[in-house]
Amino acid sequence: MPILRIPSIKAEMGHRSNASVYNAVRAGLLTKPIKIGQRAVGLPDYEVSAINAARIAGKSDAEIRELVHRLHAKRAELVTL
């Protein structure tokens, strides 16, 4: 599973700045980044795709927050496998 870095996330999701990505994380509208190095973070590509698909489908912010919650739970499941 590819991990997208912040510039790729901005391009995929239409964010114009790094701050807008982190604001979406704080608002619960984007999953929390994972550390992939000492000074590097990213998101699994399937999480970005799922959130984009929800936006395209016209889901509300509340529904996207629930999706983000489920995606975080899925991360926990992957660790226990």
PDB file of N, CA and C in Angstrom:
ATOM      1  N   MET A   1       0.839  -1.168   0.000  1.00  0.00           N
ATOM      2  CA  MET A   1       0.000   0.000   0.000  1.00  0.00           C
ATOM      3  C   MET A   1       0.889   1.237   0.000  1.00  0.00           C
ATOM      4  N   PRO A   2       0.761   2.058  -1.016  1.00  0.00           N
ATOM      5  CA  PRO A   2       1.568   3.284  -1.092  1.00  0.00           C
ATOM      6  C   PRO A   2       1.164   4.288  -0.006  1.00  0.00           C
ATOM      7  N   ILE A   3       2.146   5.044   0.441  1.00  0.00           N
ATOM      8  CA  ILE A   3       1.902   6.115   1.400  1.00  0.00           C
ATOM      9  C   ILE A   3       2.165   7.430   0.680  1.00  0.00           C
ATOM     10  N   LEU A   4       1.163   8.304   0.710  1.00  0.00           N
ATOM     11  CA  LEU A   4       1.272   9.591   0.039  1.00  0.00           C
ATOM     12  C   LEU A   4       1.845  10.627   0.997  1.00  0.00           C
ATOM     13  N   ARG A   5       2.817  11.393   0.519  1.00  0.00           N
ATOM     14  CA  ARG A   5       3.381  12.496   1.296  1.00  0.00           C
ATOM     15  C   ARG A   5       2.489  13.719   1.134  1.00  0.00           C
ATOM     16  N   ILE A   6       2.729  14.740   1.915  1.00  0.00           N
ATOM     17  CA  ILE A   6       1.876  15.932   1.959  1.00  0.00           C
ATOM     18  C   ILE A   6       1.688  16.577   0.573  1.00  0.00           C
ATOM     19  N   PRO A   7       2.729  16.765  -0.241  1.00  0.00           N
ATOM     20  CA  PRO A   7       2.484  17.368  -1.562  1.00  0.00           C
ATOM     21  C   PRO A   7       1.512  16.547  -2.423  1.00  0.00           C
ATOM     22  N   SER A   8       1.602  15.240  -2.348  1.00  0.00           N
ATOM     23  CA  SER A   8       0.685  14.381  -3.103  1.00  0.00           C
ATOM     24  C   SER A   8      -0.729  14.452  -2.538  1.00  0.00           C
ATOM     25  N   ILE A   9      -0.839  14.538  -1.220  1.00  0.00           N
ATOM     26  CA  ILE A   9      -2.152  14.650  -0.588  1.00  0.00           C
ATOM     27  C   ILE A   9      -2.818  15.948  -1.020  1.00  0.00           C
ATOM     28  N   LYS A  10      -2.051  17.037  -1.016  1.00  0.00           N
ATOM     29  CA  LYS A  10      -2.597  18.332  -1.442  1.00  0.00           C
ATOM     30  C   LYS A  10      -3.089  18.249  -2.878  1.00  0.00           C
ATOM     31  N   ALA A  11      -2.320  17.618  -3.745  1.00  0.00           N
ATOM     32  CA  ALA A  11      -2.711  17.503  -5.155  1.00  0.00           C
ATOM     33  C   ALA A  11      -3.953  16.632  -5.311  1.00  0.00           C
ATOM     34  N   GLU A  12      -4.010  15.528  -4.594  1.00  0.00           N
ATOM     35  CA  GLU A  12      -5.147  14.605  -4.695  1.00  0.00           C
ATOM     36  C   GLU A  12      -6.435  15.226  -4.171  1.00  0.00           C
ATOM     37  N   MET A  13      -6.323  15.984  -3.080  1.00  0.00           N
ATOM     38  CA  MET A  13      -7.520  16.472  -2.395  1.00  0.00           C
ATOM     39  C   MET A  13      -7.854  17.923  -2.721  1.00  0.00           C
ATOM     40  N   GLY A  14      -6.984  18.610  -3.436  1.00  0.00           N
ATOM     41  CA  GLY A  14      -7.263  19.988  -3.807  1.00  0.00           C
ATOM     42  C   GLY A  14      -6.920  21.016  -2.742  1.00  0.00           C
ATOM     43  N   HIS A  15      -6.166  20.614  -1.733  1.00  0.00           N
ATOM     44  CA  HIS A  15      -5.732  21.580  -0.718  1.00  0.00           C
ATOM     45  C   HIS A  15      -4.654  22.466  -1.312  1.00  0.00           C
ATOM     46  N   ARG A  16      -4.642  23.729  -0.885  1.00  0.00           N
ATOM     47  CA  ARG A  16      -3.672  24.668  -1.437  1.00  0.00           C
ATOM     48  C   ARG A  16      -2.437  24.845  -0.566  1.00  0.00           C
ATOM     49  N   SER A  17      -2.503  24.430   0.683  1.00  0.00           N
ATOM     50  CA  SER A  17      -1.360  24.621   1.570  1.00  0.00           C
ATOM     51  C   SER A  17      -1.250  23.461   2.548  1.00  0.00           C
ATOM     52  N   ASN A  18      -0.066  23.347   3.138  1.00  0.00           N
ATOM     53  CA  ASN A  18       0.133  22.339   4.177  1.00  0.00           C
ATOM     54  C   ASN A  18      -0.801  22.618   5.355  1.00  0.00           C
ATOM     55  N   ALA A  19      -0.985  23.897   5.662  1.00  0.00           N
ATOM     56  CA  ALA A  19      -1.843  24.265   6.788  1.00  0.00           C
ATOM     57  C   ALA A  19      -3.267  23.770   6.576  1.00  0.00           C
ATOM     58  N   SER A  20      -3.767  23.815   5.341  1.00  0.00           N
ATOM     59  CA  SER A  20      -5.136  23.359   5.106  1.00  0.00           C
ATOM     60  C   SER A  20      -5.261  21.851   5.318  1.00  0.00           C
ATOM     61  N   VAL A  21      -4.201  21.111   5.029  1.00  0.00           N
ATOM     62  CA  VAL A  21      -4.204  19.669   5.289  1.00  0.00           C
ATOM     63  C   VAL A  21      -4.292  19.429   6.796  1.00  0.00           C
ATOM     64  N   TYR A  22      -3.442  20.106   7.558  1.00  0.00           N
ATOM     65  CA  TYR A  22      -3.435  19.915   9.005  1.00  0.00           C
ATOM     66  C   TYR A  22      -4.706  20.448   9.660  1.00  0.00           C
ATOM     67  N   ASN A  23      -5.306  21.493   9.094  1.00  0.00           N
ATOM     68  CA  ASN A  23      -6.596  21.978   9.604  1.00  0.00           C
ATOM     69  C   ASN A  23      -7.679  20.921   9.403  1.00  0.00           C
ATOM     70  N   ALA A  24      -7.648  20.231   8.271  1.00  0.00           N
ATOM     71  CA  ALA A  24      -8.616  19.154   8.014  1.00  0.00           C
ATOM     72  C   ALA A  24      -8.418  18.010   9.015  1.00  0.00           C
ATOM     73  N   VAL A  25      -7.169  17.717   9.347  1.00  0.00           N
ATOM     74  CA  VAL A  25      -6.889  16.672  10.350  1.00  0.00           C
ATOM     75  C   VAL A  25      -7.475  17.096  11.693  1.00  0.00           C
ATOM     76  N   ARG A  26      -7.218  18.342  12.107  1.00  0.00           N
ATOM     77  CA  ARG A  26      -7.739  18.838  13.390  1.00  0.00           C
ATOM     78  C   ARG A  26      -9.263  18.844  13.425  1.00  0.00           C
ATOM     79  N   ALA A  27      -9.885  19.106  12.270  1.00  0.00           N
ATOM     80  CA  ALA A  27     -11.347  19.134  12.196  1.00  0.00           C
ATOM     81  C   ALA A  27     -11.947  17.735  12.115  1.00  0.00           C
ATOM     82  N   GLY A  28     -11.093  16.718  12.012  1.00  0.00           N
ATOM     83  CA  GLY A  28     -11.584  15.347  11.930  1.00  0.00           C
ATOM     84  C   GLY A  28     -12.031  14.952  10.536  1.00  0.00           C
ATOM     85  N   LEU A  29     -11.653  15.741   9.531  1.00  0.00           N
ATOM     86  CA  LEU A  29     -12.074  15.479   8.153  1.00  0.00           C
ATOM     87  C   LEU A  29     -10.999  14.778   7.333  1.00  0.00           C
ATOM     88  N   LEU A  30      -9.897  14.455   7.973  1.00  0.00           N
ATOM     89  CA  LEU A  30      -8.798  13.751   7.327  1.00  0.00           C
ATOM     90  C   LEU A  30      -8.097  12.930   8.398  1.00  0.00           C
ATOM     91  N   THR A  31      -7.637  11.751   8.038  1.00  0.00           N
ATOM     92  CA  THR A  31      -6.961  10.892   9.013  1.00  0.00           C
ATOM     93  C   THR A  31      -5.635  11.515   9.445  1.00  0.00           C
ATOM     94  N   LYS A  32      -5.192  11.119  10.628  1.00  0.00           N
ATOM     95  CA  LYS A  32      -3.933  11.631  11.151  1.00  0.00           C
ATOM     96  C   LYS A  32      -2.771  11.049  10.348  1.00  0.00           C
ATOM     97  N   PRO A  33      -1.782  11.882  10.033  1.00  0.00           N
ATOM     98  CA  PRO A  33      -0.615  11.374   9.304  1.00  0.00           C
ATOM     99  C   PRO A  33       0.155  10.342  10.131  1.00  0.00           C
ATOM    100  N   ILE A  34       0.828   9.459   9.423  1.00  0.00           N
ATOM    101  CA  ILE A  34       1.692   8.486  10.087  1.00  0.00           C
ATOM    102  C   ILE A  34       3.137   8.863   9.799  1.00  0.00           C
ATOM    103  N   LYS A  35       3.993   8.609  10.765  1.00  0.00           N
ATOM    104  CA  LYS A  35       5.411   8.911  10.576  1.00  0.00           C
ATOM    105  C   LYS A  35       6.025   7.860   9.658  1.00  0.00           C
ATOM    106  N   ILE A  36       6.733   8.328   8.643  1.00  0.00           N
ATOM    107  CA  ILE A  36       7.425   7.413   7.743  1.00  0.00           C
ATOM    108  C   ILE A  36       8.926   7.672   7.762  1.00  0.00           C
ATOM    109  N   GLY A  37       9.330   8.582   8.602  1.00  0.00           N
ATOM    110  CA  GLY A  37      10.734   8.909   8.769  1.00  0.00           C
ATOM    111  C   GLY A  37      10.856   9.875   9.921  1.00  0.00           C
ATOM    112  N   GLN A  38      12.092  10.303  10.184  1.00  0.00           N
ATOM    113  CA  GLN A  38      12.291  11.199  11.309  1.00  0.00           C
ATOM    114  C   GLN A  38      11.590  12.536  11.101  1.00  0.00           C
ATOM    115  N   ARG A  39      11.563  13.020   9.846  1.00  0.00           N
ATOM    116  CA  ARG A  39      10.921  14.302   9.556  1.00  0.00           C
ATOM    117  C   ARG A  39       9.927  14.194   8.414  1.00  0.00           C
ATOM    118  N   ALA A  40       9.344  13.031   8.257  1.00  0.00           N
ATOM    119  CA  ALA A  40       8.421  12.818   7.140  1.00  0.00           C
ATOM    120  C   ALA A  40       7.152  12.115   7.618  1.00  0.00           C
ATOM    121  N   VAL A  41       6.016  12.575   7.086  1.00  0.00           N
ATOM    122  CA  VAL A  41       4.733  11.952   7.389  1.00  0.00           C
ATOM    123  C   VAL A  41       3.980  11.728   6.081  1.00  0.00           C
ATOM    124  N   GLY A  42       2.967  10.900   6.165  1.00  0.00           N
ATOM    125  CA  GLY A  42       2.135  10.645   4.992  1.00  0.00           C
ATOM    126  C   GLY A  42       0.866   9.934   5.403  1.00  0.00           C
ATOM    127  N   LEU A  43       0.024   9.650   4.394  1.00  0.00           N
ATOM    128  CA  LEU A  43      -1.222   8.925   4.608  1.00  0.00           C
ATOM    129  C   LEU A  43      -1.292   7.765   3.632  1.00  0.00           C
ATOM    130  N   PRO A  44      -1.828   6.631   4.068  1.00  0.00           N
ATOM    131  CA  PRO A  44      -2.041   5.534   3.128  1.00  0.00           C
ATOM    132  C   PRO A  44      -2.955   6.000   1.994  1.00  0.00           C
ATOM    133  N   ASP A  45      -2.637   5.582   0.781  1.00  0.00           N
ATOM    134  CA  ASP A  45      -3.400   6.048  -0.387  1.00  0.00           C
ATOM    135  C   ASP A  45      -4.869   5.664  -0.320  1.00  0.00           C
ATOM    136  N   TYR A  46      -5.179   4.501   0.275  1.00  0.00           N
ATOM    137  CA  TYR A  46      -6.583   4.074   0.321  1.00  0.00           C
ATOM    138  C   TYR A  46      -7.413   4.986   1.224  1.00  0.00           C
ATOM    139  N   GLU A  47      -6.789   5.583   2.240  1.00  0.00           N
ATOM    140  CA  GLU A  47      -7.523   6.510   3.105  1.00  0.00           C
ATOM    141  C   GLU A  47      -7.867   7.788   2.353  1.00  0.00           C
ATOM    142  N   VAL A  48      -6.898   8.319   1.605  1.00  0.00           N
ATOM    143  CA  VAL A  48      -7.136   9.524   0.810  1.00  0.00           C
ATOM    144  C   VAL A  48      -8.223   9.249  -0.231  1.00  0.00           C
ATOM    145  N   SER A  49      -8.152   8.102  -0.877  1.00  0.00           N
ATOM    146  CA  SER A  49      -9.152   7.740  -1.892  1.00  0.00           C
ATOM    147  C   SER A  49     -10.543   7.607  -1.279  1.00  0.00           C
ATOM    148  N   ALA A  50     -10.634   7.001  -0.103  1.00  0.00           N
ATOM    149  CA  ALA A  50     -11.935   6.817   0.546  1.00  0.00           C
ATOM    150  C   ALA A  50     -12.556   8.158   0.935  1.00  0.00           C
ATOM    151  N   ILE A  51     -11.753   9.057   1.443  1.00  0.00           N
ATOM    152  CA  ILE A  51     -12.261  10.373   1.836  1.00  0.00           C
ATOM    153  C   ILE A  51     -12.669  11.174   0.597  1.00  0.00           C
ATOM    154  N   ASN A  52     -11.871  11.101  -0.463  1.00  0.00           N
ATOM    155  CA  ASN A  52     -12.235  11.781  -1.714  1.00  0.00           C
ATOM    156  C   ASN A  52     -13.547  11.224  -2.267  1.00  0.00           C
ATOM    157  N   ALA A  53     -13.715   9.917  -2.245  1.00  0.00           N
ATOM    158  CA  ALA A  53     -14.941   9.297  -2.749  1.00  0.00           C
ATOM    159  C   ALA A  53     -16.151   9.761  -1.939  1.00  0.00           C
ATOM    160  N   ALA A  54     -15.985   9.899  -0.633  1.00  0.00           N
ATOM    161  CA  ALA A  54     -17.074  10.376   0.213  1.00  0.00           C
ATOM    162  C   ALA A  54     -17.431  11.816  -0.133  1.00  0.00           C
ATOM    163  N   ARG A  55     -16.431  12.649  -0.366  1.00  0.00           N
ATOM    164  CA  ARG A  55     -16.678  14.042  -0.764  1.00  0.00           C
ATOM    165  C   ARG A  55     -17.430  14.084  -2.096  1.00  0.00           C
ATOM    166  N   ILE A  56     -16.965  13.290  -3.056  1.00  0.00           N
ATOM    167  CA  ILE A  56     -17.602  13.257  -4.376  1.00  0.00           C
ATOM    168  C   ILE A  56     -19.045  12.790  -4.264  1.00  0.00           C
ATOM    169  N   ALA A  57     -19.309  11.849  -3.360  1.00  0.00           N
ATOM    170  CA  ALA A  57     -20.657  11.321  -3.164  1.00  0.00           C
ATOM    171  C   ALA A  57     -21.559  12.305  -2.418  1.00  0.00           C
ATOM    172  N   GLY A  58     -21.000  13.433  -1.981  1.00  0.00           N
ATOM    173  CA  GLY A  58     -21.809  14.445  -1.317  1.00  0.00           C
ATOM    174  C   GLY A  58     -22.051  14.193   0.155  1.00  0.00           C
ATOM    175  N   LYS A  59     -21.194  13.394   0.778  1.00  0.00           N
ATOM    176  CA  LYS A  59     -21.354  13.108   2.209  1.00  0.00           C
ATOM    177  C   LYS A  59     -21.132  14.380   3.031  1.00  0.00           C
ATOM    178  N   SER A  60     -21.828  14.466   4.146  1.00  0.00           N
ATOM    179  CA  SER A  60     -21.694  15.620   5.039  1.00  0.00           C
ATOM    180  C   SER A  60     -20.388  15.514   5.830  1.00  0.00           C
ATOM    181  N   ASP A  61     -20.018  16.627   6.474  1.00  0.00           N
ATOM    182  CA  ASP A  61     -18.821  16.595   7.317  1.00  0.00           C
ATOM    183  C   ASP A  61     -18.964  15.576   8.440  1.00  0.00           C
ATOM    184  N   ALA A  62     -20.154  15.448   8.996  1.00  0.00           N
ATOM    185  CA  ALA A  62     -20.375  14.469  10.064  1.00  0.00           C
ATOM    186  C   ALA A  62     -20.150  13.051   9.556  1.00  0.00           C
ATOM    187  N   GLU A  63     -20.621  12.768   8.350  1.00  0.00           N
ATOM    188  CA  GLU A  63     -20.424  11.429   7.773  1.00  0.00           C
ATOM    189  C   GLU A  63     -18.949  11.184   7.464  1.00  0.00           C
ATOM    190  N   ILE A  64     -18.246  12.219   7.046  1.00  0.00           N
ATOM    191  CA  ILE A  64     -16.815  12.058   6.764  1.00  0.00           C
ATOM    192  C   ILE A  64     -16.046  11.861   8.060  1.00  0.00           C
ATOM    193  N   ARG A  65     -16.440  12.541   9.123  1.00  0.00           N
ATOM    194  CA  ARG A  65     -15.792  12.309  10.428  1.00  0.00           C
ATOM    195  C   ARG A  65     -15.966  10.860  10.868  1.00  0.00           C
ATOM    196  N   GLU A  66     -17.144  10.294  10.629  1.00  0.00           N
ATOM    197  CA  GLU A  66     -17.384   8.885  10.960  1.00  0.00           C
ATOM    198  C   GLU A  66     -16.496   7.984  10.103  1.00  0.00           C
ATOM    199  N   LEU A  67     -16.353   8.314   8.834  1.00  0.00           N
ATOM    200  CA  LEU A  67     -15.464   7.553   7.946  1.00  0.00           C
ATOM    201  C   LEU A  67     -14.030   7.615   8.449  1.00  0.00           C
ATOM    202  N   VAL A  68     -13.589   8.798   8.847  1.00  0.00           N
ATOM    203  CA  VAL A  68     -12.228   8.956   9.381  1.00  0.00           C
ATOM    204  C   VAL A  68     -12.057   8.093  10.627  1.00  0.00           C
ATOM    205  N   HIS A  69     -13.070   8.070  11.478  1.00  0.00           N
ATOM    206  CA  HIS A  69     -13.024   7.223  12.677  1.00  0.00           C
ATOM    207  C   HIS A  69     -12.870   5.749  12.289  1.00  0.00           C
ATOM    208  N   ARG A  70     -13.634   5.308  11.289  1.00  0.00           N
ATOM    209  CA  ARG A  70     -13.540   3.906  10.839  1.00  0.00           C
ATOM    210  C   ARG A  70     -12.162   3.614  10.227  1.00  0.00           C
ATOM    211  N   LEU A  71     -11.615   4.578   9.499  1.00  0.00           N
ATOM    212  CA  LEU A  71     -10.283   4.377   8.902  1.00  0.00           C
ATOM    213  C   LEU A  71      -9.219   4.255   9.985  1.00  0.00           C
ATOM    214  N   HIS A  72      -9.341   5.056  11.052  1.00  0.00           N
ATOM    215  CA  HIS A  72      -8.400   4.924  12.167  1.00  0.00           C
ATOM    216  C   HIS A  72      -8.538   3.559  12.837  1.00  0.00           C
ATOM    217  N   ALA A  73      -9.765   3.070  12.965  1.00  0.00           N
ATOM    218  CA  ALA A  73      -9.988   1.749  13.553  1.00  0.00           C
ATOM    219  C   ALA A  73      -9.376   0.669  12.673  1.00  0.00           C
ATOM    220  N   LYS A  74      -9.468   0.837  11.364  1.00  0.00           N
ATOM    221  CA  LYS A  74      -8.886  -0.128  10.441  1.00  0.00           C
ATOM    222  C   LYS A  74      -7.371  -0.182  10.601  1.00  0.00           C
ATOM    223  N   ARG A  75      -6.746   0.982  10.854  1.00  0.00           N
ATOM    224  CA  ARG A  75      -5.296   0.991  11.110  1.00  0.00           C
ATOM    225  C   ARG A  75      -4.968   0.119  12.313  1.00  0.00           C
ATOM    226  N   ALA A  76      -5.756   0.239  13.370  1.00  0.00           N
ATOM    227  CA  ALA A  76      -5.521  -0.547  14.584  1.00  0.00           C
ATOM    228  C   ALA A  76      -5.640  -2.039  14.298  1.00  0.00           C
ATOM    229  N   GLU A  77      -6.601  -2.402  13.447  1.00  0.00           N
ATOM    230  CA  GLU A  77      -6.771  -3.812  13.079  1.00  0.00           C
ATOM    231  C   GLU A  77      -5.555  -4.317  12.304  1.00  0.00           C
ATOM    232  N   LEU A  78      -5.012  -3.492  11.429  1.00  0.00           N
ATOM    233  CA  LEU A  78      -3.859  -3.907  10.629  1.00  0.00           C
ATOM    234  C   LEU A  78      -2.653  -4.181  11.497  1.00  0.00           C
ATOM    235  N   VAL A  79      -2.519  -3.441  12.585  1.00  0.00           N
ATOM    236  CA  VAL A  79      -1.392  -3.632  13.493  1.00  0.00           C
ATOM    237  C   VAL A  79      -1.484  -4.952  14.228  1.00  0.00           C
ATOM    238  N   THR A  80      -2.703  -5.386  14.543  1.00  0.00           N
ATOM    239  CA  THR A  80      -2.874  -6.618  15.320  1.00  0.00           C
ATOM    240  C   THR A  80      -2.793  -7.872  14.477  1.00  0.00           C
ATOM    241  N   LEU A  81      -2.759  -7.724  13.156  1.00  0.00           N
ATOM    242  CA  LEU A  81      -2.706  -8.914  12.290  1.00  0.00           C
ATOM    243  C   LEU A  81      -1.352  -9.558  12.276  1.00  0.00           C
TER     244      LEU A  81
END
